[in-house]
PDB file of N, CA and C in Angstrom:
ATOM      1  N   MET A   1      87.312 121.379 129.886  1.00  0.00           N
ATOM      2  CA  MET A   1      86.301 122.537 130.989  1.00  0.00           C
ATOM      3  C   MET A   1      84.730 121.736 130.331  1.00  0.00           C
ATOM      4  N   ASN A   2      84.012 121.619 131.807  1.00  0.00           N
ATOM      5  CA  ASN A   2      82.437 120.910 131.711  1.00  0.00           C
ATOM      6  C   ASN A   2      82.033 121.881 131.435  1.00  0.00           C
ATOM      7  N   ASN A   3      80.560 121.452 130.559  1.00  0.00           N
ATOM      8  CA  ASN A   3      79.344 121.944 129.804  1.00  0.00           C
ATOM      9  C   ASN A   3      79.466 122.976 130.772  1.00  0.00           C
ATOM     10  N   SER A   4      78.977 122.918 132.348  1.00  0.00           N
ATOM     11  CA  SER A   4      78.221 123.711 133.381  1.00  0.00           C
ATOM     12  C   SER A   4      79.626 125.480 133.568  1.00  0.00           C
ATOM     13  N   ALA A   5      80.448 124.545 133.750  1.00  0.00           N
ATOM     14  CA  ALA A   5      81.587 125.519 133.854  1.00  0.00           C
ATOM     15  C   ALA A   5      82.190 126.594 132.618  1.00  0.00           C
ATOM     16  N   LYS A   6      81.189 126.079 131.517  1.00  0.00           N
ATOM     17  CA  LYS A   6      81.245 126.657 130.044  1.00  0.00           C
ATOM     18  C   LYS A   6      80.644 127.766 129.953  1.00  0.00           C
ATOM     19  N   ALA A   7      79.315 127.266 130.028  1.00  0.00           N
ATOM     20  CA  ALA A   7      77.780 127.943 130.923  1.00  0.00           C
ATOM     21  C   ALA A   7      78.216 128.783 131.205  1.00  0.00           C
ATOM     22  N   ALA A   8      78.093 128.677 132.538  1.00  0.00           N
ATOM     23  CA  ALA A   8      78.738 129.805 133.691  1.00  0.00           C
ATOM     24  C   ALA A   8      79.349 130.753 133.098  1.00  0.00           C
ATOM     25  N   GLU A   9      80.732 130.999 132.331  1.00  0.00           N
ATOM     26  CA  GLU A   9      81.705 131.441 131.787  1.00  0.00           C
ATOM     27  C   GLU A   9      81.275 132.652 130.647  1.00  0.00           C
ATOM     28  N   ILE A  10      80.509 132.033 130.452  1.00  0.00           N
ATOM     29  CA  ILE A  10      79.668 132.624 128.879  1.00  0.00           C
ATOM     30  C   ILE A  10      78.683 133.274 129.690  1.00  0.00           C
ATOM     31  N   ALA A  11      78.025 132.972 130.487  1.00  0.00           N
ATOM     32  CA  ALA A  11      76.683 133.892 130.798  1.00  0.00           C
ATOM     33  C   ALA A  11      77.770 134.997 131.515  1.00  0.00           C
ATOM     34  N   ALA A  12      78.886 134.593 132.842  1.00  0.00           N
ATOM     35  CA  ALA A  12      79.787 135.797 133.488  1.00  0.00           C
ATOM     36  C   ALA A  12      79.923 137.185 132.114  1.00  0.00           C
ATOM     37  N   GLU A  13      80.492 136.590 131.185  1.00  0.00           N
ATOM     38  CA  GLU A  13      81.024 137.306 130.042  1.00  0.00           C
ATOM     39  C   GLU A  13      79.767 138.379 129.525  1.00  0.00           C
ATOM     40  N   ILE A  14      77.877 137.493 129.460  1.00  0.00           N
ATOM     41  CA  ILE A  14      77.287 138.536 129.458  1.00  0.00           C
ATOM     42  C   ILE A  14      77.159 139.545 129.762  1.00  0.00           C
ATOM     43  N   VAL A  15      76.494 138.568 131.031  1.00  0.00           N
ATOM     44  CA  VAL A  15      76.089 139.878 132.151  1.00  0.00           C
ATOM     45  C   VAL A  15      77.169 141.032 132.517  1.00  0.00           C
ATOM     46  N   MET A  16      78.716 140.463 132.544  1.00  0.00           N
ATOM     47  CA  MET A  16      79.602 141.899 132.772  1.00  0.00           C
ATOM     48  C   MET A  16      79.315 143.028 131.817  1.00  0.00           C
ATOM     49  N   LYS A  17      79.291 142.167 129.956  1.00  0.00           N
ATOM     50  CA  LYS A  17      78.887 143.713 128.785  1.00  0.00           C
ATOM     51  C   LYS A  17      77.443 144.134 129.687  1.00  0.00           C
ATOM     52  N   THR A  18      76.600 143.636 130.017  1.00  0.00           N
ATOM     53  CA  THR A  18      75.813 144.659 130.473  1.00  0.00           C
ATOM     54  C   THR A  18      75.686 145.155 131.385  1.00  0.00           C
ATOM     55  N   LEU A  19      76.655 145.498 132.421  1.00  0.00           N
ATOM     56  CA  LEU A  19      76.532 146.330 133.840  1.00  0.00           C
ATOM     57  C   LEU A  19      76.943 147.653 132.576  1.00  0.00           C
ATOM     58  N   LYS A  20      76.610 148.475 133.903  1.00  0.00           N
ATOM     59  CA  LYS A  20      77.476 149.686 134.167  1.00  0.00           C
ATOM     60  C   LYS A  20      78.565 149.911 134.412  1.00  0.00           C
ATOM     61  N   PRO A  21      79.340 150.867 133.820  1.00  0.00           N
ATOM     62  CA  PRO A  21      80.957 151.265 134.142  1.00  0.00           C
ATOM     63  C   PRO A  21      81.365 150.809 135.292  1.00  0.00           C
ATOM     64  N   GLU A  22      80.614 151.708 136.478  1.00  0.00           N
ATOM     65  CA  GLU A  22      80.542 151.794 137.591  1.00  0.00           C
ATOM     66  C   GLU A  22      80.118 150.089 138.554  1.00  0.00           C
ATOM     67  N   GLU A  23      79.456 149.630 137.854  1.00  0.00           N
ATOM     68  CA  GLU A  23      78.987 148.003 138.640  1.00  0.00           C
ATOM     69  C   GLU A  23      80.445 147.352 137.739  1.00  0.00           C
ATOM     70  N   GLN A  24      80.603 147.435 136.853  1.00  0.00           N
ATOM     71  CA  GLN A  24      81.783 146.394 136.420  1.00  0.00           C
ATOM     72  C   GLN A  24      83.143 146.882 137.446  1.00  0.00           C
ATOM     73  N   LYS A  25      83.598 148.171 137.891  1.00  0.00           N
ATOM     74  CA  LYS A  25      84.627 148.366 138.501  1.00  0.00           C
ATOM     75  C   LYS A  25      84.399 147.384 140.031  1.00  0.00           C
ATOM     76  N   VAL A  26      82.970 147.673 140.574  1.00  0.00           N
ATOM     77  CA  VAL A  26      82.904 146.356 141.597  1.00  0.00           C
ATOM     78  C   VAL A  26      82.898 145.557 141.502  1.00  0.00           C
ATOM     79  N   ILE A  27      82.099 144.848 140.687  1.00  0.00           N
ATOM     80  CA  ILE A  27      82.434 143.540 140.372  1.00  0.00           C
ATOM     81  C   ILE A  27      84.330 143.299 140.205  1.00  0.00           C
ATOM     82  N   LEU A  28      84.816 143.463 139.644  1.00  0.00           N
ATOM     83  CA  LEU A  28      86.312 143.438 139.150  1.00  0.00           C
ATOM     84  C   LEU A  28      86.855 143.887 140.830  1.00  0.00           C
ATOM     85  N   VAL A  29      86.845 144.324 141.567  1.00  0.00           N
ATOM     86  CA  VAL A  29      87.601 144.593 142.757  1.00  0.00           C
ATOM     87  C   VAL A  29      86.658 143.466 143.689  1.00  0.00           C
ATOM     88  N   LEU A  30      85.885 143.104 143.174  1.00  0.00           N
ATOM     89  CA  LEU A  30      85.734 141.877 144.300  1.00  0.00           C
ATOM     90  C   LEU A  30      85.869 140.310 143.775  1.00  0.00           C
ATOM     91  N   ARG A  31      86.084 140.104 142.336  1.00  0.00           N
ATOM     92  CA  ARG A  31      86.813 139.327 141.673  1.00  0.00           C
ATOM     93  C   ARG A  31      88.434 139.359 141.936  1.00  0.00           C
ATOM     94  N   ALA A  32      89.000 140.545 141.820  1.00  0.00           N
ATOM     95  CA  ALA A  32      90.366 141.063 142.505  1.00  0.00           C
ATOM     96  C   ALA A  32      90.552 139.860 143.789  1.00  0.00           C
ATOM     97  N   HIS A  33      89.859 139.764 144.646  1.00  0.00           N
ATOM     98  CA  HIS A  33      89.892 139.802 146.185  1.00  0.00           C
ATOM     99  C   HIS A  33      89.104 138.260 146.526  1.00  0.00           C
ATOM    100  N   GLY A  34      88.724 137.670 145.297  1.00  0.00           N
ATOM    101  CA  GLY A  34      88.126 135.976 145.450  1.00  0.00           C
ATOM    102  C   GLY A  34      86.600 136.259 146.224  1.00  0.00           C
ATOM    103  N   GLY A  35      86.495 137.411 145.633  1.00  0.00           N
ATOM    104  CA  GLY A  35      84.532 137.180 145.256  1.00  0.00           C
ATOM    105  C   GLY A  35      84.113 137.427 146.741  1.00  0.00           C
ATOM    106  N   ARG A  36      85.069 138.072 147.683  1.00  0.00           N
ATOM    107  CA  ARG A  36      84.553 139.171 148.880  1.00  0.00           C
ATOM    108  C   ARG A  36      85.134 140.193 149.434  1.00  0.00           C
ATOM    109  N   TYR A  37      84.697 141.057 149.868  1.00  0.00           N
ATOM    110  CA  TYR A  37      85.495 141.817 150.157  1.00  0.00           C
ATOM    111  C   TYR A  37      84.740 142.910 151.345  1.00  0.00           C
ATOM    112  N   LEU A  38      85.004 144.103 151.846  1.00  0.00           N
ATOM    113  CA  LEU A  38      83.920 144.883 152.626  1.00  0.00           C
ATOM    114  C   LEU A  38      83.777 145.998 152.213  1.00  0.00           C
ATOM    115  N   GLN A  39      82.631 146.844 151.414  1.00  0.00           N
ATOM    116  CA  GLN A  39      82.176 147.564 151.017  1.00  0.00           C
ATOM    117  C   GLN A  39      83.038 148.601 151.287  1.00  0.00           C
ATOM    118  N   LYS A  40      83.328 149.073 152.654  1.00  0.00           N
ATOM    119  CA  LYS A  40      84.255 150.386 152.291  1.00  0.00           C
ATOM    120  C   LYS A  40      84.970 150.278 151.743  1.00  0.00           C
ATOM    121  N   TYR A  41      86.426 149.117 151.886  1.00  0.00           N
ATOM    122  CA  TYR A  41      87.383 148.822 150.840  1.00  0.00           C
ATOM    123  C   TYR A  41      86.889 148.898 149.018  1.00  0.00           C
ATOM    124  N   ILE A  42      85.830 148.655 148.809  1.00  0.00           N
ATOM    125  CA  ILE A  42      85.403 148.627 147.554  1.00  0.00           C
ATOM    126  C   ILE A  42      85.395 150.204 147.302  1.00  0.00           C
ATOM    127  N   SER A  43      84.926 150.599 147.594  1.00  0.00           N
ATOM    128  CA  SER A  43      84.695 151.821 147.651  1.00  0.00           C
ATOM    129  C   SER A  43      85.830 152.648 147.154  1.00  0.00           C
ATOM    130  N   LYS A  44      87.177 152.338 147.835  1.00  0.00           N
ATOM    131  CA  LYS A  44      87.937 153.110 147.651  1.00  0.00           C
ATOM    132  C   LYS A  44      88.723 152.513 146.868  1.00  0.00           C
ATOM    133  N   GLU A  45      88.626 151.032 146.565  1.00  0.00           N
ATOM    134  CA  GLU A  45      89.626 150.370 145.483  1.00  0.00           C
ATOM    135  C   GLU A  45      89.127 151.228 144.375  1.00  0.00           C
ATOM    136  N   ALA A  46      87.373 151.173 143.861  1.00  0.00           N
ATOM    137  CA  ALA A  46      86.593 151.474 142.628  1.00  0.00           C
ATOM    138  C   ALA A  46      86.659 152.775 142.466  1.00  0.00           C
ATOM    139  N   GLU A  47      87.176 153.644 143.807  1.00  0.00           N
ATOM    140  CA  GLU A  47      87.462 155.231 142.717  1.00  0.00           C
ATOM    141  C   GLU A  47      85.652 155.489 142.844  1.00  0.00           C
ATOM    142  N   LEU A  48      85.181 155.525 144.413  1.00  0.00           N
ATOM    143  CA  LEU A  48      83.918 155.520 143.970  1.00  0.00           C
ATOM    144  C   LEU A  48      83.314 156.175 145.350  1.00  0.00           C
ATOM    145  N   SER A  49      82.348 157.369 145.647  1.00  0.00           N
ATOM    146  CA  SER A  49      81.714 158.050 147.265  1.00  0.00           C
ATOM    147  C   SER A  49      81.641 156.925 147.239  1.00  0.00           C
ATOM    148  N   LYS A  50      81.255 156.726 148.772  1.00  0.00           N
ATOM    149  CA  LYS A  50      80.478 156.097 149.425  1.00  0.00           C
ATOM    150  C   LYS A  50      79.387 155.617 149.007  1.00  0.00           C
ATOM    151  N   LEU A  51      78.560 156.677 148.872  1.00  0.00           N
ATOM    152  CA  LEU A  51      76.867 156.532 148.270  1.00  0.00           C
ATOM    153  C   LEU A  51      76.816 155.888 147.171  1.00  0.00           C
ATOM    154  N   LYS A  52      77.501 156.512 146.204  1.00  0.00           N
ATOM    155  CA  LYS A  52      77.497 155.530 144.744  1.00  0.00           C
ATOM    156  C   LYS A  52      78.454 154.506 144.592  1.00  0.00           C
ATOM    157  N   THR A  53      78.855 153.222 145.629  1.00  0.00           N
ATOM    158  CA  THR A  53      79.273 152.284 146.497  1.00  0.00           C
ATOM    159  C   THR A  53      77.471 151.437 146.563  1.00  0.00           C
ATOM    160  N   HIS A  54      77.195 152.263 147.760  1.00  0.00           N
ATOM    161  CA  HIS A  54      76.037 151.417 148.477  1.00  0.00           C
ATOM    162  C   HIS A  54      74.923 151.676 147.330  1.00  0.00           C
ATOM    163  N   ARG A  55      74.626 152.542 146.352  1.00  0.00           N
ATOM    164  CA  ARG A  55      73.817 152.384 145.805  1.00  0.00           C
ATOM    165  C   ARG A  55      74.002 151.661 143.733  1.00  0.00           C
ATOM    166  N   VAL A  56      75.107 151.009 143.839  1.00  0.00           N
ATOM    167  CA  VAL A  56      75.547 150.418 142.757  1.00  0.00           C
ATOM    168  C   VAL A  56      75.302 148.608 143.555  1.00  0.00           C
ATOM    169  N   ILE A  57      76.180 148.543 144.707  1.00  0.00           N
ATOM    170  CA  ILE A  57      75.833 147.649 145.260  1.00  0.00           C
ATOM    171  C   ILE A  57      74.402 147.509 145.875  1.00  0.00           C
ATOM    172  N   ALA A  58      73.390 147.741 146.067  1.00  0.00           N
ATOM    173  CA  ALA A  58      72.279 147.603 145.863  1.00  0.00           C
ATOM    174  C   ALA A  58      71.421 147.158 144.525  1.00  0.00           C
ATOM    175  N   ARG A  59      71.650 147.988 143.437  1.00  0.00           N
ATOM    176  CA  ARG A  59      71.517 147.277 142.250  1.00  0.00           C
ATOM    177  C   ARG A  59      71.808 146.020 142.094  1.00  0.00           C
ATOM    178  N   LEU A  60      73.479 145.810 142.369  1.00  0.00           N
ATOM    179  CA  LEU A  60      73.791 144.506 142.035  1.00  0.00           C
ATOM    180  C   LEU A  60      73.180 143.486 142.578  1.00  0.00           C
ATOM    181  N   SER A  61      72.794 143.658 144.034  1.00  0.00           N
ATOM    182  CA  SER A  61      72.250 142.690 145.477  1.00  0.00           C
ATOM    183  C   SER A  61      71.070 142.386 144.971  1.00  0.00           C
ATOM    184  N   GLU A  62      69.769 143.308 143.839  1.00  0.00           N
ATOM    185  CA  GLU A  62      68.587 142.964 143.497  1.00  0.00           C
ATOM    186  C   GLU A  62      68.489 142.786 142.250  1.00  0.00           C
ATOM    187  N   ARG A  63      69.645 142.534 141.655  1.00  0.00           N
ATOM    188  CA  ARG A  63      70.168 141.599 140.619  1.00  0.00           C
ATOM    189  C   ARG A  63      70.289 140.180 141.011  1.00  0.00           C
ATOM    190  N   GLY A  64      71.125 140.201 142.067  1.00  0.00           N
ATOM    191  CA  GLY A  64      71.234 138.834 142.222  1.00  0.00           C
ATOM    192  C   GLY A  64      72.435 138.482 142.334  1.00  0.00           C
ATOM    193  N   LEU A  65      73.198 139.718 142.211  1.00  0.00           N
ATOM    194  CA  LEU A  65      74.598 138.822 142.132  1.00  0.00           C
ATOM    195  C   LEU A  65      75.671 139.383 142.785  1.00  0.00           C
ATOM    196  N   VAL A  66      76.038 140.040 143.728  1.00  0.00           N
ATOM    197  CA  VAL A  66      76.239 139.855 144.938  1.00  0.00           C
ATOM    198  C   VAL A  66      75.173 139.564 146.152  1.00  0.00           C
ATOM    199  N   ARG A  67      75.958 139.716 147.701  1.00  0.00           N
ATOM    200  CA  ARG A  67      74.986 138.981 148.772  1.00  0.00           C
ATOM    201  C   ARG A  67      75.544 140.269 149.930  1.00  0.00           C
ATOM    202  N   VAL A  68      74.680 140.517 150.412  1.00  0.00           N
ATOM    203  CA  VAL A  68      75.224 141.799 151.332  1.00  0.00           C
ATOM    204  C   VAL A  68      75.015 140.903 152.826  1.00  0.00           C
ATOM    205  N   THR A  69      76.249 140.897 153.947  1.00  0.00           N
ATOM    206  CA  THR A  69      76.367 140.787 154.928  1.00  0.00           C
ATOM    207  C   THR A  69      76.630 142.009 155.823  1.00  0.00           C
ATOM    208  N   LYS A  70      75.967 142.335 156.936  1.00  0.00           N
ATOM    209  CA  LYS A  70      76.232 143.062 157.646  1.00  0.00           C
ATOM    210  C   LYS A  70      77.326 142.765 158.159  1.00  0.00           C
ATOM    211  N   ARG A  71      78.530 143.639 158.741  1.00  0.00           N
ATOM    212  CA  ARG A  71      80.192 143.275 159.610  1.00  0.00           C
ATOM    213  C   ARG A  71      79.893 144.820 160.214  1.00  0.00           C
ATOM    214  N   GLY A  72      79.523 144.460 161.390  1.00  0.00           N
ATOM    215  CA  GLY A  72      79.840 146.023 162.059  1.00  0.00           C
ATOM    216  C   GLY A  72      79.805 147.484 161.505  1.00  0.00           C
ATOM    217  N   ASN A  73      80.026 148.346 161.645  1.00  0.00           N
ATOM    218  CA  ASN A  73      79.694 149.284 160.392  1.00  0.00           C
ATOM    219  C   ASN A  73      79.381 149.561 159.460  1.00  0.00           C
ATOM    220  N   THR A  74      80.126 148.188 159.079  1.00  0.00           N
ATOM    221  CA  THR A  74      80.774 148.351 156.909  1.00  0.00           C
ATOM    222  C   THR A  74      79.328 146.754 157.093  1.00  0.00           C
ATOM    223  N   ASN A  75      79.454 145.983 155.611  1.00  0.00           N
ATOM    224  CA  ASN A  75      78.358 145.227 154.746  1.00  0.00           C
ATOM    225  C   ASN A  75      79.573 144.623 154.326  1.00  0.00           C
ATOM    226  N   GLU A  76      79.962 142.737 154.416  1.00  0.00           N
ATOM    227  CA  GLU A  76      80.576 142.372 153.419  1.00  0.00           C
ATOM    228  C   GLU A  76      80.334 141.794 152.012  1.00  0.00           C
ATOM    229  N   ILE A  77      80.954 142.292 151.148  1.00  0.00           N
ATOM    230  CA  ILE A  77      79.704 141.848 149.952  1.00  0.00           C
ATOM    231  C   ILE A  77      80.305 140.545 149.175  1.00  0.00           C
ATOM    232  N   THR A  78      79.497 140.390 149.018  1.00  0.00           N
ATOM    233  CA  THR A  78      80.318 138.056 148.549  1.00  0.00           C
ATOM    234  C   THR A  78      79.492 138.410 147.047  1.00  0.00           C
ATOM    235  N   LEU A  79      80.531 137.906 146.016  1.00  0.00           N
ATOM    236  CA  LEU A  79      80.401 137.832 145.012  1.00  0.00           C
ATOM    237  C   LEU A  79      79.725 136.707 144.615  1.00  0.00           C
ATOM    238  N   VAL A  80      78.497 136.130 143.403  1.00  0.00           N
ATOM    239  CA  VAL A  80      77.944 134.992 142.995  1.00  0.00           C
ATOM    240  C   VAL A  80      79.041 134.176 142.771  1.00  0.00           C
ATOM    241  N   GLU A  81      78.700 133.077 143.062  1.00  0.00           N
ATOM    242  CA  GLU A  81      80.493 131.882 142.910  1.00  0.00           C
ATOM    243  C   GLU A  81      80.310 131.492 141.129  1.00  0.00           C
ATOM    244  N   TRP A  82      78.985 131.716 140.595  1.00  0.00           N
ATOM    245  CA  TRP A  82      79.307 131.347 139.506  1.00  0.00           C
ATOM    246  C   TRP A  82      79.990 132.913 138.402  1.00  0.00           C
ATOM    247  N   LEU A  83      80.483 133.964 138.837  1.00  0.00           N
ATOM    248  CA  LEU A  83      80.739 135.072 138.204  1.00  0.00           C
ATOM    249  C   LEU A  83      82.123 134.963 139.159  1.00  0.00           C
ATOM    250  N   THR A  84      82.910 134.282 140.361  1.00  0.00           N
ATOM    251  CA  THR A  84      84.288 134.652 140.704  1.00  0.00           C
ATOM    252  C   THR A  84      84.949 133.844 139.410  1.00  0.00           C
ATOM    253  N   LYS A  85      84.965 133.298 139.043  1.00  0.00           N
ATOM    254  CA  LYS A  85      85.390 132.953 138.189  1.00  0.00           C
ATOM    255  C   LYS A  85      86.091 133.159 137.494  1.00  0.00           C
ATOM    256  N   PRO A  86      87.738 133.560 136.486  1.00  0.00           N
ATOM    257  CA  PRO A  86      88.270 134.358 135.634  1.00  0.00           C
ATOM    258  C   PRO A  86      87.618 134.431 134.273  1.00  0.00           C
ATOM    259  N   LEU A  87      87.163 135.179 133.554  1.00  0.00           N
ATOM    260  CA  LEU A  87      86.750 135.358 132.468  1.00  0.00           C
ATOM    261  C   LEU A  87      88.399 135.163 131.830  1.00  0.00           C
ATOM    262  N   THR A  88      87.599 134.143 130.674  1.00  0.00           N
ATOM    263  CA  THR A  88      88.911 133.967 129.637  1.00  0.00           C
ATOM    264  C   THR A  88      88.602 134.802 128.466  1.00  0.00           C
ATOM    265  N   ARG A  89      88.930 135.805 127.806  1.00  0.00           N
ATOM    266  CA  ARG A  89      88.891 136.154 126.520  1.00  0.00           C
ATOM    267  C   ARG A  89      89.716 135.696 125.512  1.00  0.00           C
ATOM    268  N   ASN A  90      88.813 134.853 124.634  1.00  0.00           N
ATOM    269  CA  ASN A  90      89.209 134.540 123.394  1.00  0.00           C
ATOM    270  C   ASN A  90      89.191 135.671 122.030  1.00  0.00           C
ATOM    271  N   THR A  91      90.496 135.864 122.398  1.00  0.00           N
ATOM    272  CA  THR A  91      91.117 137.113 121.002  1.00  0.00           C
ATOM    273  C   THR A  91      91.127 136.884 119.311  1.00  0.00           C
ATOM    274  N   ASN A  92      91.325 135.757 119.250  1.00  0.00           N
ATOM    275  CA  ASN A  92      91.372 135.635 118.175  1.00  0.00           C
ATOM    276  C   ASN A  92      90.621 134.344 117.954  1.00  0.00           C
ATOM    277  N   SER A  93      88.599 134.464 117.867  1.00  0.00           N
ATOM    278  CA  SER A  93      88.601 133.035 117.563  1.00  0.00           C
ATOM    279  C   SER A  93      88.488 132.197 116.355  1.00  0.00           C
ATOM    280  N   SER A  94      88.978 132.643 115.697  1.00  0.00           N
ATOM    281  CA  SER A  94      89.294 131.511 114.332  1.00  0.00           C
ATOM    282  C   SER A  94      90.759 130.818 114.647  1.00  0.00           C
ATOM    283  N   SER A  95      91.854 131.348 115.609  1.00  0.00           N
ATOM    284  CA  SER A  95      92.367 130.253 115.762  1.00  0.00           C
ATOM    285  C   SER A  95      91.516 129.067 116.737  1.00  0.00           C
ATOM    286  N   ALA A  96      90.588 129.497 117.581  1.00  0.00           N
ATOM    287  CA  ALA A  96      90.007 128.434 118.383  1.00  0.00           C
ATOM    288  C   ALA A  96      88.933 127.560 117.470  1.00  0.00           C
ATOM    289  N   LYS A  97      88.841 127.546 116.870  1.00  0.00           N
ATOM    290  CA  LYS A  97      88.098 126.798 115.864  1.00  0.00           C
ATOM    291  C   LYS A  97      88.982 126.182 114.713  1.00  0.00           C
ATOM    292  N   ARG A  98      90.141 125.900 115.221  1.00  0.00           N
ATOM    293  CA  ARG A  98      91.204 125.316 113.862  1.00  0.00           C
ATOM    294  C   ARG A  98      91.010 124.008 115.140  1.00  0.00           C
TER     295      ARG A  98
END
């Protein structure tokens, strides 16, 4: 793994820790679908109301974590590229140092 990929992974992990639970749900749904999904489906899969989903996505958009594109009567939500990579959790940090 090169340095920029490692830095992006660390940044993604830090950002995920700072998000509210509803925001984490939306990010996880987006990641499960390759980083791009329709808002109406995010609402269902994240088990959030349409209004709550809209507000969460608006907050994420303001922070620059997602992009919103109009698609008919819904929005297509796209996760920023550096957040689409899977997070690797190191469960035993002492074994990584050996």
